[in-house]
Amino acid sequence: MMTARRELTDFERGMLVGARRMGHAISEIVREFNIPRSTVSRVCREYEISGITSHHGQRSGRPPAFNDRDRRRLQRVVNSNTQATVRQITAEINVGRTRDLSVRTVRRNLAFLGYSSRRPTRVPLLTERHRLQRLSWAREHIGWSLDEWKTVAWSNESRFQLVRADGRVRVWRRPHEAMDSNCQQGTVQAGGGSVMVWAVCFRAWTWSSGATGPNIDWKCLRSATWRSLAAIHGLHVPKQRRDFYR
């Protein structure tokens, strides 16, 4: 009894063609592989015409729900609002369509286009004025030498959590290990507090070679105290720039 009709794999098509080229009759191949005669004849005929055994022709039947035009529209929708959810994107894509697409179909085509959901990259919050100021500053100092850069003091600040690290923490565990101690992260009310650390570093200012820098008591030194220190004001430093975040 013949099997139900199905799509042959490239390997099966190759076996049919190979058997035919070895001199076996069509009827022998049908009995050996239990494949309909019409299928065997068609595969061998296609090989004689094209010289290949794999089949990449156009399939009949219902057209795909998502075509190249839909993918181009999907790309425009995503680029116009990168923070939209898949459901929001699906709702916008379905506007004007005679047949609605499912969220699963949209998600699958997003992956096909190379999109994946990720947390946004954390960067300083800059306005257009901030960007112009930074560009102007960079152009003014593009020709600075290494010795000139050594005269610059670099300052920064950072917040440190006292109980846990900032950001999302992940652990590798199996379903039954949720309450294991090494798969838990302790929490306290109101976050547990944090400490803000401010610091300044410099390579070399204008004191002579071998001389020591200013004698500063670093205990509980705050930014306002730093700016008021006479030892700092006595140093020759480059012209100050306005804060780019103001």
C-alpha atoms as a PDB file:
ATOM      1  CA  MET A   1       0.000   0.000   0.000  1.00  0.00           C
ATOM      2  CA  MET A   2       1.323   3.406  -0.947  1.00  0.00           C
ATOM      3  CA  THR A   3       2.038   5.909   1.794  1.00  0.00           C
ATOM      4  CA  ALA A   4       0.163   9.198   1.986  1.00  0.00           C
ATOM      5  CA  ARG A   5       1.605  11.865  -0.276  1.00  0.00           C
ATOM      6  CA  ARG A   6       4.186  14.063   1.379  1.00  0.00           C
ATOM      7  CA  GLU A   7       7.099  16.251   0.394  1.00  0.00           C
ATOM      8  CA  LEU A   8      10.222  14.232  -0.337  1.00  0.00           C
ATOM      9  CA  THR A   9      13.488  15.270   1.234  1.00  0.00           C
ATOM     10  CA  ASP A  10      16.469  16.093  -0.960  1.00  0.00           C
ATOM     11  CA  PHE A  11      18.083  12.840   0.191  1.00  0.00           C
ATOM     12  CA  GLU A  12      15.071  10.779  -0.896  1.00  0.00           C
ATOM     13  CA  ARG A  13      14.956  12.530  -4.257  1.00  0.00           C
ATOM     14  CA  GLY A  14      18.632  11.767  -4.705  1.00  0.00           C
ATOM     15  CA  MET A  15      18.045   8.067  -3.992  1.00  0.00           C
ATOM     16  CA  LEU A  16      15.299   7.918  -6.640  1.00  0.00           C
ATOM     17  CA  VAL A  17      17.490   9.584  -9.232  1.00  0.00           C
ATOM     18  CA  GLY A  18      20.439   7.380  -8.294  1.00  0.00           C
ATOM     19  CA  ALA A  19      18.377   4.214  -8.665  1.00  0.00           C
ATOM     20  CA  ARG A  20      17.115   5.383 -12.057  1.00  0.00           C
ATOM     21  CA  ARG A  21      20.636   6.152 -13.249  1.00  0.00           C
ATOM     22  CA  MET A  22      21.730   2.664 -12.147  1.00  0.00           C
ATOM     23  CA  GLY A  23      19.304   1.288 -14.732  1.00  0.00           C
ATOM     24  CA  HIS A  24      16.356   0.325 -12.538  1.00  0.00           C
ATOM     25  CA  ALA A  25      12.918   0.628 -14.066  1.00  0.00           C
ATOM     26  CA  ILE A  26      10.351   3.056 -12.688  1.00  0.00           C
ATOM     27  CA  SER A  27       8.176   0.153 -11.500  1.00  0.00           C
ATOM     28  CA  GLU A  28      11.125  -1.344  -9.584  1.00  0.00           C
ATOM     29  CA  ILE A  29      11.827   1.971  -7.869  1.00  0.00           C
ATOM     30  CA  VAL A  30       8.138   2.319  -6.937  1.00  0.00           C
ATOM     31  CA  ARG A  31       8.108  -1.112  -5.279  1.00  0.00           C
ATOM     32  CA  GLU A  32      11.459  -0.582  -3.519  1.00  0.00           C
ATOM     33  CA  PHE A  33      10.743   2.836  -2.009  1.00  0.00           C
ATOM     34  CA  ASN A  34       6.938   2.559  -1.753  1.00  0.00           C
ATOM     35  CA  ILE A  35       6.511   5.931  -3.442  1.00  0.00           C
ATOM     36  CA  PRO A  36       3.776   6.730  -6.013  1.00  0.00           C
ATOM     37  CA  ARG A  37       4.759   6.186  -9.637  1.00  0.00           C
ATOM     38  CA  SER A  38       3.825   9.730 -10.589  1.00  0.00           C
ATOM     39  CA  THR A  39       6.197  11.089  -7.947  1.00  0.00           C
ATOM     40  CA  VAL A  40       9.103   8.931  -9.082  1.00  0.00           C
ATOM     41  CA  SER A  41       8.529   9.909 -12.712  1.00  0.00           C
ATOM     42  CA  ARG A  42       8.310  13.601 -11.857  1.00  0.00           C
ATOM     43  CA  VAL A  43      11.520  13.583  -9.779  1.00  0.00           C
ATOM     44  CA  CYS A  44      13.466  11.794 -12.502  1.00  0.00           C
ATOM     45  CA  ARG A  45      12.059  14.091 -15.189  1.00  0.00           C
ATOM     46  CA  GLU A  46      13.003  17.208 -13.188  1.00  0.00           C
ATOM     47  CA  TYR A  47      16.533  15.842 -12.817  1.00  0.00           C
ATOM     48  CA  GLU A  48      16.828  15.273 -16.571  1.00  0.00           C
ATOM     49  CA  ILE A  49      15.736  18.874 -17.227  1.00  0.00           C
ATOM     50  CA  SER A  50      17.592  20.786 -14.493  1.00  0.00           C
ATOM     51  CA  GLY A  51      20.383  18.421 -13.500  1.00  0.00           C
ATOM     52  CA  ILE A  52      19.657  18.817  -9.770  1.00  0.00           C
ATOM     53  CA  THR A  53      17.779  16.666  -7.294  1.00  0.00           C
ATOM     54  CA  SER A  54      16.750  19.316  -4.763  1.00  0.00           C
ATOM     55  CA  HIS A  55      13.469  21.111  -5.289  1.00  0.00           C
ATOM     56  CA  HIS A  56      13.282  24.847  -4.683  1.00  0.00           C
ATOM     57  CA  GLY A  57      10.370  25.677  -6.934  1.00  0.00           C
ATOM     58  CA  GLN A  58       7.390  27.831  -6.080  1.00  0.00           C
ATOM     59  CA  ARG A  59       4.881  26.017  -3.898  1.00  0.00           C
ATOM     60  CA  SER A  60       1.171  26.239  -4.486  1.00  0.00           C
ATOM     61  CA  GLY A  61      -1.318  26.910  -1.745  1.00  0.00           C
ATOM     62  CA  ARG A  62      -2.046  29.775   0.609  1.00  0.00           C
ATOM     63  CA  PRO A  63       0.419  32.676   0.304  1.00  0.00           C
ATOM     64  CA  PRO A  64       2.502  33.520   3.391  1.00  0.00           C
ATOM     65  CA  ALA A  65       0.866  35.818   5.923  1.00  0.00           C
ATOM     66  CA  PHE A  66       3.962  38.028   6.023  1.00  0.00           C
ATOM     67  CA  ASN A  67       5.673  39.080   2.790  1.00  0.00           C
ATOM     68  CA  ASP A  68       8.633  41.345   2.031  1.00  0.00           C
ATOM     69  CA  ARG A  69       6.411  44.415   1.878  1.00  0.00           C
ATOM     70  CA  ASP A  70       5.046  43.642   5.350  1.00  0.00           C
ATOM     71  CA  ARG A  71       8.589  43.260   6.672  1.00  0.00           C
ATOM     72  CA  ARG A  72       9.567  46.663   5.311  1.00  0.00           C
ATOM     73  CA  ARG A  73       6.536  48.183   7.019  1.00  0.00           C
ATOM     74  CA  LEU A  74       7.359  46.331  10.229  1.00  0.00           C
ATOM     75  CA  GLN A  75      10.861  47.789  10.120  1.00  0.00           C
ATOM     76  CA  ARG A  76       9.479  51.330   9.732  1.00  0.00           C
ATOM     77  CA  VAL A  77       7.087  50.824  12.650  1.00  0.00           C
ATOM     78  CA  VAL A  78       9.835  49.529  14.939  1.00  0.00           C
ATOM     79  CA  ASN A  79      12.282  52.287  13.994  1.00  0.00           C
ATOM     80  CA  SER A  80       9.652  54.956  14.654  1.00  0.00           C
ATOM     81  CA  ASN A  81       9.163  53.743  18.241  1.00  0.00           C
ATOM     82  CA  THR A  82      11.842  51.375  19.511  1.00  0.00           C
ATOM     83  CA  GLN A  83      10.205  51.169  22.960  1.00  0.00           C
ATOM     84  CA  ALA A  84       6.869  49.810  21.725  1.00  0.00           C
ATOM     85  CA  THR A  85       5.799  46.376  22.944  1.00  0.00           C
ATOM     86  CA  VAL A  86       5.166  43.506  20.531  1.00  0.00           C
ATOM     87  CA  ARG A  87       1.421  43.858  21.109  1.00  0.00           C
ATOM     88  CA  GLN A  88       1.555  47.569  20.273  1.00  0.00           C
ATOM     89  CA  ILE A  89       3.571  46.847  17.140  1.00  0.00           C
ATOM     90  CA  THR A  90       1.115  44.124  16.122  1.00  0.00           C
ATOM     91  CA  ALA A  91      -1.855  46.454  16.607  1.00  0.00           C
ATOM     92  CA  GLU A  92      -0.255  49.088  14.364  1.00  0.00           C
ATOM     93  CA  ILE A  93       0.702  46.548  11.701  1.00  0.00           C
ATOM     94  CA  ASN A  94      -2.864  45.208  11.596  1.00  0.00           C
ATOM     95  CA  VAL A  95      -4.373  48.625  10.823  1.00  0.00           C
ATOM     96  CA  GLY A  96      -5.892  48.405   7.344  1.00  0.00           C
ATOM     97  CA  ARG A  97      -5.219  44.676   6.888  1.00  0.00           C
ATOM     98  CA  THR A  98      -7.977  42.322   5.795  1.00  0.00           C
ATOM     99  CA  ARG A  99      -6.485  39.498   7.865  1.00  0.00           C
ATOM    100  CA  ASP A 100      -4.959  40.274  11.260  1.00  0.00           C
ATOM    101  CA  LEU A 101      -1.536  38.987  12.150  1.00  0.00           C
ATOM    102  CA  SER A 102      -0.894  37.304  15.474  1.00  0.00           C
ATOM    103  CA  VAL A 103       1.583  38.531  18.062  1.00  0.00           C
ATOM    104  CA  ARG A 104       3.545  35.323  17.528  1.00  0.00           C
ATOM    105  CA  THR A 105       3.871  36.000  13.788  1.00  0.00           C
ATOM    106  CA  VAL A 106       5.091  39.546  14.389  1.00  0.00           C
ATOM    107  CA  ARG A 107       7.574  38.382  17.029  1.00  0.00           C
ATOM    108  CA  ARG A 108       8.921  35.715  14.672  1.00  0.00           C
ATOM    109  CA  ASN A 109       9.397  38.242  11.865  1.00  0.00           C
ATOM    110  CA  LEU A 110      11.083  40.694  14.213  1.00  0.00           C
ATOM    111  CA  ALA A 111      13.623  37.971  14.915  1.00  0.00           C
ATOM    112  CA  PHE A 112      13.940  37.319  11.171  1.00  0.00           C
ATOM    113  CA  LEU A 113      14.834  41.005  10.656  1.00  0.00           C
ATOM    114  CA  GLY A 114      17.444  40.796  13.409  1.00  0.00           C
ATOM    115  CA  TYR A 115      15.530  42.661  16.126  1.00  0.00           C
ATOM    116  CA  SER A 116      15.591  41.475  19.733  1.00  0.00           C
ATOM    117  CA  SER A 117      14.297  43.033  22.928  1.00  0.00           C
ATOM    118  CA  ARG A 118      17.112  44.461  25.039  1.00  0.00           C
ATOM    119  CA  ARG A 119      17.434  46.914  27.886  1.00  0.00           C
ATOM    120  CA  PRO A 120      18.317  50.396  26.565  1.00  0.00           C
ATOM    121  CA  THR A 121      21.946  51.449  26.803  1.00  0.00           C
ATOM    122  CA  ARG A 122      22.507  53.806  29.744  1.00  0.00           C
ATOM    123  CA  VAL A 123      24.052  57.100  28.613  1.00  0.00           C
ATOM    124  CA  PRO A 124      24.211  60.630  30.090  1.00  0.00           C
ATOM    125  CA  LEU A 125      20.973  62.536  29.554  1.00  0.00           C
ATOM    126  CA  LEU A 126      22.028  65.208  27.047  1.00  0.00           C
ATOM    127  CA  THR A 127      20.028  67.943  25.364  1.00  0.00           C
ATOM    128  CA  GLU A 128      20.857  69.344  21.943  1.00  0.00           C
ATOM    129  CA  ARG A 129      22.617  72.260  23.646  1.00  0.00           C
ATOM    130  CA  HIS A 130      24.775  69.823  25.613  1.00  0.00           C
ATOM    131  CA  ARG A 131      25.828  68.082  22.408  1.00  0.00           C
ATOM    132  CA  LEU A 132      26.734  71.366  20.728  1.00  0.00           C
ATOM    133  CA  GLN A 133      28.796  72.447  23.749  1.00  0.00           C
ATOM    134  CA  ARG A 134      30.672  69.154  23.809  1.00  0.00           C
ATOM    135  CA  LEU A 135      31.351  69.333  20.085  1.00  0.00           C
ATOM    136  CA  SER A 136      32.637  72.900  20.434  1.00  0.00           C
ATOM    137  CA  TRP A 137      34.919  71.884  23.326  1.00  0.00           C
ATOM    138  CA  ALA A 138      36.287  68.923  21.356  1.00  0.00           C
ATOM    139  CA  ARG A 139      37.075  71.127  18.362  1.00  0.00           C
ATOM    140  CA  GLU A 140      38.868  73.669  20.557  1.00  0.00           C
ATOM    141  CA  HIS A 141      41.125  70.980  22.057  1.00  0.00           C
ATOM    142  CA  ILE A 142      41.674  68.744  19.046  1.00  0.00           C
ATOM    143  CA  GLY A 143      45.253  69.954  18.669  1.00  0.00           C
ATOM    144  CA  TRP A 144      46.317  69.686  22.315  1.00  0.00           C
ATOM    145  CA  SER A 145      49.622  67.988  23.069  1.00  0.00           C
ATOM    146  CA  LEU A 146      50.178  65.319  25.714  1.00  0.00           C
ATOM    147  CA  ASP A 147      51.852  67.847  28.028  1.00  0.00           C
ATOM    148  CA  GLU A 148      48.795  70.094  27.839  1.00  0.00           C
ATOM    149  CA  TRP A 149      46.479  67.221  28.719  1.00  0.00           C
ATOM    150  CA  LYS A 150      48.660  66.461  31.741  1.00  0.00           C
ATOM    151  CA  THR A 151      47.608  69.814  33.201  1.00  0.00           C
ATOM    152  CA  VAL A 152      43.940  68.806  33.328  1.00  0.00           C
ATOM    153  CA  ALA A 153      42.245  67.652  36.531  1.00  0.00           C
ATOM    154  CA  TRP A 154      39.576  64.998  35.980  1.00  0.00           C
ATOM    155  CA  SER A 155      36.704  64.711  38.445  1.00  0.00           C
ATOM    156  CA  ASN A 156      33.785  62.326  38.679  1.00  0.00           C
ATOM    157  CA  GLU A 157      31.236  60.992  41.122  1.00  0.00           C
ATOM    158  CA  SER A 158      29.541  57.643  41.582  1.00  0.00           C
ATOM    159  CA  ARG A 159      26.891  56.141  43.853  1.00  0.00           C
ATOM    160  CA  PHE A 160      27.564  52.837  45.643  1.00  0.00           C
ATOM    161  CA  GLN A 161      24.810  50.728  47.199  1.00  0.00           C
ATOM    162  CA  LEU A 162      25.510  49.510  50.733  1.00  0.00           C
ATOM    163  CA  VAL A 163      23.465  46.295  50.564  1.00  0.00           C
ATOM    164  CA  ARG A 164      23.276  45.157  46.941  1.00  0.00           C
ATOM    165  CA  ALA A 165      24.663  46.074  43.557  1.00  0.00           C
ATOM    166  CA  ASP A 166      22.894  48.450  41.214  1.00  0.00           C
ATOM    167  CA  GLY A 167      21.282  46.957  38.154  1.00  0.00           C
ATOM    168  CA  ARG A 168      19.685  43.617  37.460  1.00  0.00           C
ATOM    169  CA  VAL A 169      21.364  40.519  38.897  1.00  0.00           C
ATOM    170  CA  ARG A 170      20.832  37.080  37.355  1.00  0.00           C
ATOM    171  CA  VAL A 171      21.602  33.599  38.648  1.00  0.00           C
ATOM    172  CA  TRP A 172      21.734  30.221  36.952  1.00  0.00           C
ATOM    173  CA  ARG A 173      19.376  27.794  38.684  1.00  0.00           C
ATOM    174  CA  ARG A 174      16.974  24.952  38.082  1.00  0.00           C
ATOM    175  CA  PRO A 175      13.220  25.280  38.792  1.00  0.00           C
ATOM    176  CA  HIS A 176      13.408  23.663  42.245  1.00  0.00           C
ATOM    177  CA  GLU A 177      16.381  25.784  43.394  1.00  0.00           C
ATOM    178  CA  ALA A 178      14.546  29.107  43.765  1.00  0.00           C
ATOM    179  CA  MET A 179      14.890  29.092  47.574  1.00  0.00           C
ATOM    180  CA  ASP A 180      18.519  27.931  47.706  1.00  0.00           C
ATOM    181  CA  SER A 181      20.701  30.425  49.547  1.00  0.00           C
ATOM    182  CA  ASN A 182      23.082  30.853  46.621  1.00  0.00           C
ATOM    183  CA  CYS A 183      20.145  31.670  44.346  1.00  0.00           C
ATOM    184  CA  GLN A 184      18.702  34.421  46.552  1.00  0.00           C
ATOM    185  CA  GLN A 185      19.396  38.116  46.906  1.00  0.00           C
ATOM    186  CA  GLY A 186      18.631  39.741  50.240  1.00  0.00           C
ATOM    187  CA  THR A 187      16.651  42.973  50.249  1.00  0.00           C
ATOM    188  CA  VAL A 188      15.944  45.617  52.859  1.00  0.00           C
ATOM    189  CA  GLN A 189      13.296  48.282  53.100  1.00  0.00           C
ATOM    190  CA  ALA A 190      14.051  51.494  51.194  1.00  0.00           C
ATOM    191  CA  GLY A 191      16.982  49.907  49.394  1.00  0.00           C
ATOM    192  CA  GLY A 192      19.460  49.894  52.281  1.00  0.00           C
ATOM    193  CA  GLY A 193      21.057  53.246  51.547  1.00  0.00           C
ATOM    194  CA  SER A 194      23.996  54.292  49.431  1.00  0.00           C
ATOM    195  CA  VAL A 195      27.168  56.378  49.507  1.00  0.00           C
ATOM    196  CA  MET A 196      28.068  59.025  46.936  1.00  0.00           C
ATOM    197  CA  VAL A 197      31.802  59.197  46.224  1.00  0.00           C
ATOM    198  CA  TRP A 198      33.374  62.220  44.523  1.00  0.00           C
ATOM    199  CA  ALA A 199      37.001  62.268  43.455  1.00  0.00           C
ATOM    200  CA  VAL A 200      39.501  64.173  41.346  1.00  0.00           C
ATOM    201  CA  CYS A 201      42.703  62.930  39.733  1.00  0.00           C
ATOM    202  CA  PHE A 202      45.471  64.673  37.814  1.00  0.00           C
ATOM    203  CA  ARG A 203      48.756  63.733  36.149  1.00  0.00           C
ATOM    204  CA  ALA A 204      50.870  66.825  36.688  1.00  0.00           C
ATOM    205  CA  TRP A 205      50.287  70.470  37.449  1.00  0.00           C
ATOM    206  CA  THR A 206      52.777  73.321  37.452  1.00  0.00           C
ATOM    207  CA  TRP A 207      54.936  72.444  40.471  1.00  0.00           C
ATOM    208  CA  SER A 208      58.581  71.665  39.620  1.00  0.00           C
ATOM    209  CA  SER A 209      59.825  68.138  39.007  1.00  0.00           C
ATOM    210  CA  GLY A 210      60.235  66.195  42.242  1.00  0.00           C
ATOM    211  CA  ALA A 211      58.083  68.582  44.280  1.00  0.00           C
ATOM    212  CA  THR A 212      55.082  67.255  46.157  1.00  0.00           C
ATOM    213  CA  GLY A 213      51.553  68.307  45.459  1.00  0.00           C
ATOM    214  CA  PRO A 214      49.259  70.263  47.791  1.00  0.00           C
ATOM    215  CA  ASN A 215      48.872  68.890  51.314  1.00  0.00           C
ATOM    216  CA  ILE A 216      45.154  68.136  51.645  1.00  0.00           C
ATOM    217  CA  ASP A 217      43.235  66.453  54.443  1.00  0.00           C
ATOM    218  CA  TRP A 218      41.018  64.020  52.530  1.00  0.00           C
ATOM    219  CA  LYS A 219      38.808  63.110  55.495  1.00  0.00           C
ATOM    220  CA  CYS A 220      35.177  63.900  54.629  1.00  0.00           C
ATOM    221  CA  LEU A 221      36.296  66.148  51.789  1.00  0.00           C
ATOM    222  CA  ARG A 222      33.288  67.332  49.833  1.00  0.00           C
ATOM    223  CA  SER A 223      33.176  69.047  46.456  1.00  0.00           C
ATOM    224  CA  ALA A 224      32.350  72.441  47.989  1.00  0.00           C
ATOM    225  CA  THR A 225      35.309  72.112  50.386  1.00  0.00           C
ATOM    226  CA  TRP A 226      37.574  71.100  47.517  1.00  0.00           C
ATOM    227  CA  ARG A 227      36.706  74.215  45.541  1.00  0.00           C
ATOM    228  CA  SER A 228      37.431  76.439  48.551  1.00  0.00           C
ATOM    229  CA  LEU A 229      40.907  75.030  49.290  1.00  0.00           C
ATOM    230  CA  ALA A 230      43.621  77.682  48.991  1.00  0.00           C
ATOM    231  CA  ALA A 231      46.132  75.019  47.953  1.00  0.00           C
ATOM    232  CA  ILE A 232      44.040  74.256  44.904  1.00  0.00           C
ATOM    233  CA  HIS A 233      43.433  77.886  43.968  1.00  0.00           C
ATOM    234  CA  GLY A 234      47.179  78.476  44.131  1.00  0.00           C
ATOM    235  CA  LEU A 235      47.784  76.047  41.266  1.00  0.00           C
ATOM    236  CA  HIS A 236      47.916  77.123  37.664  1.00  0.00           C
ATOM    237  CA  VAL A 237      45.133  75.269  35.876  1.00  0.00           C
ATOM    238  CA  PRO A 238      43.620  75.678  32.415  1.00  0.00           C
ATOM    239  CA  LYS A 239      40.622  77.890  31.867  1.00  0.00           C
ATOM    240  CA  GLN A 240      37.519  76.312  33.336  1.00  0.00           C
ATOM    241  CA  ARG A 241      34.611  75.332  31.169  1.00  0.00           C
ATOM    242  CA  ARG A 242      30.963  75.443  32.113  1.00  0.00           C
ATOM    243  CA  ASP A 243      29.402  72.204  33.222  1.00  0.00           C
ATOM    244  CA  PHE A 244      28.025  70.495  30.115  1.00  0.00           C
ATOM    245  CA  TYR A 245      25.002  69.248  32.069  1.00  0.00           C
ATOM    246  CA  ARG A 246      23.719  72.729  32.921  1.00  0.00           C
END
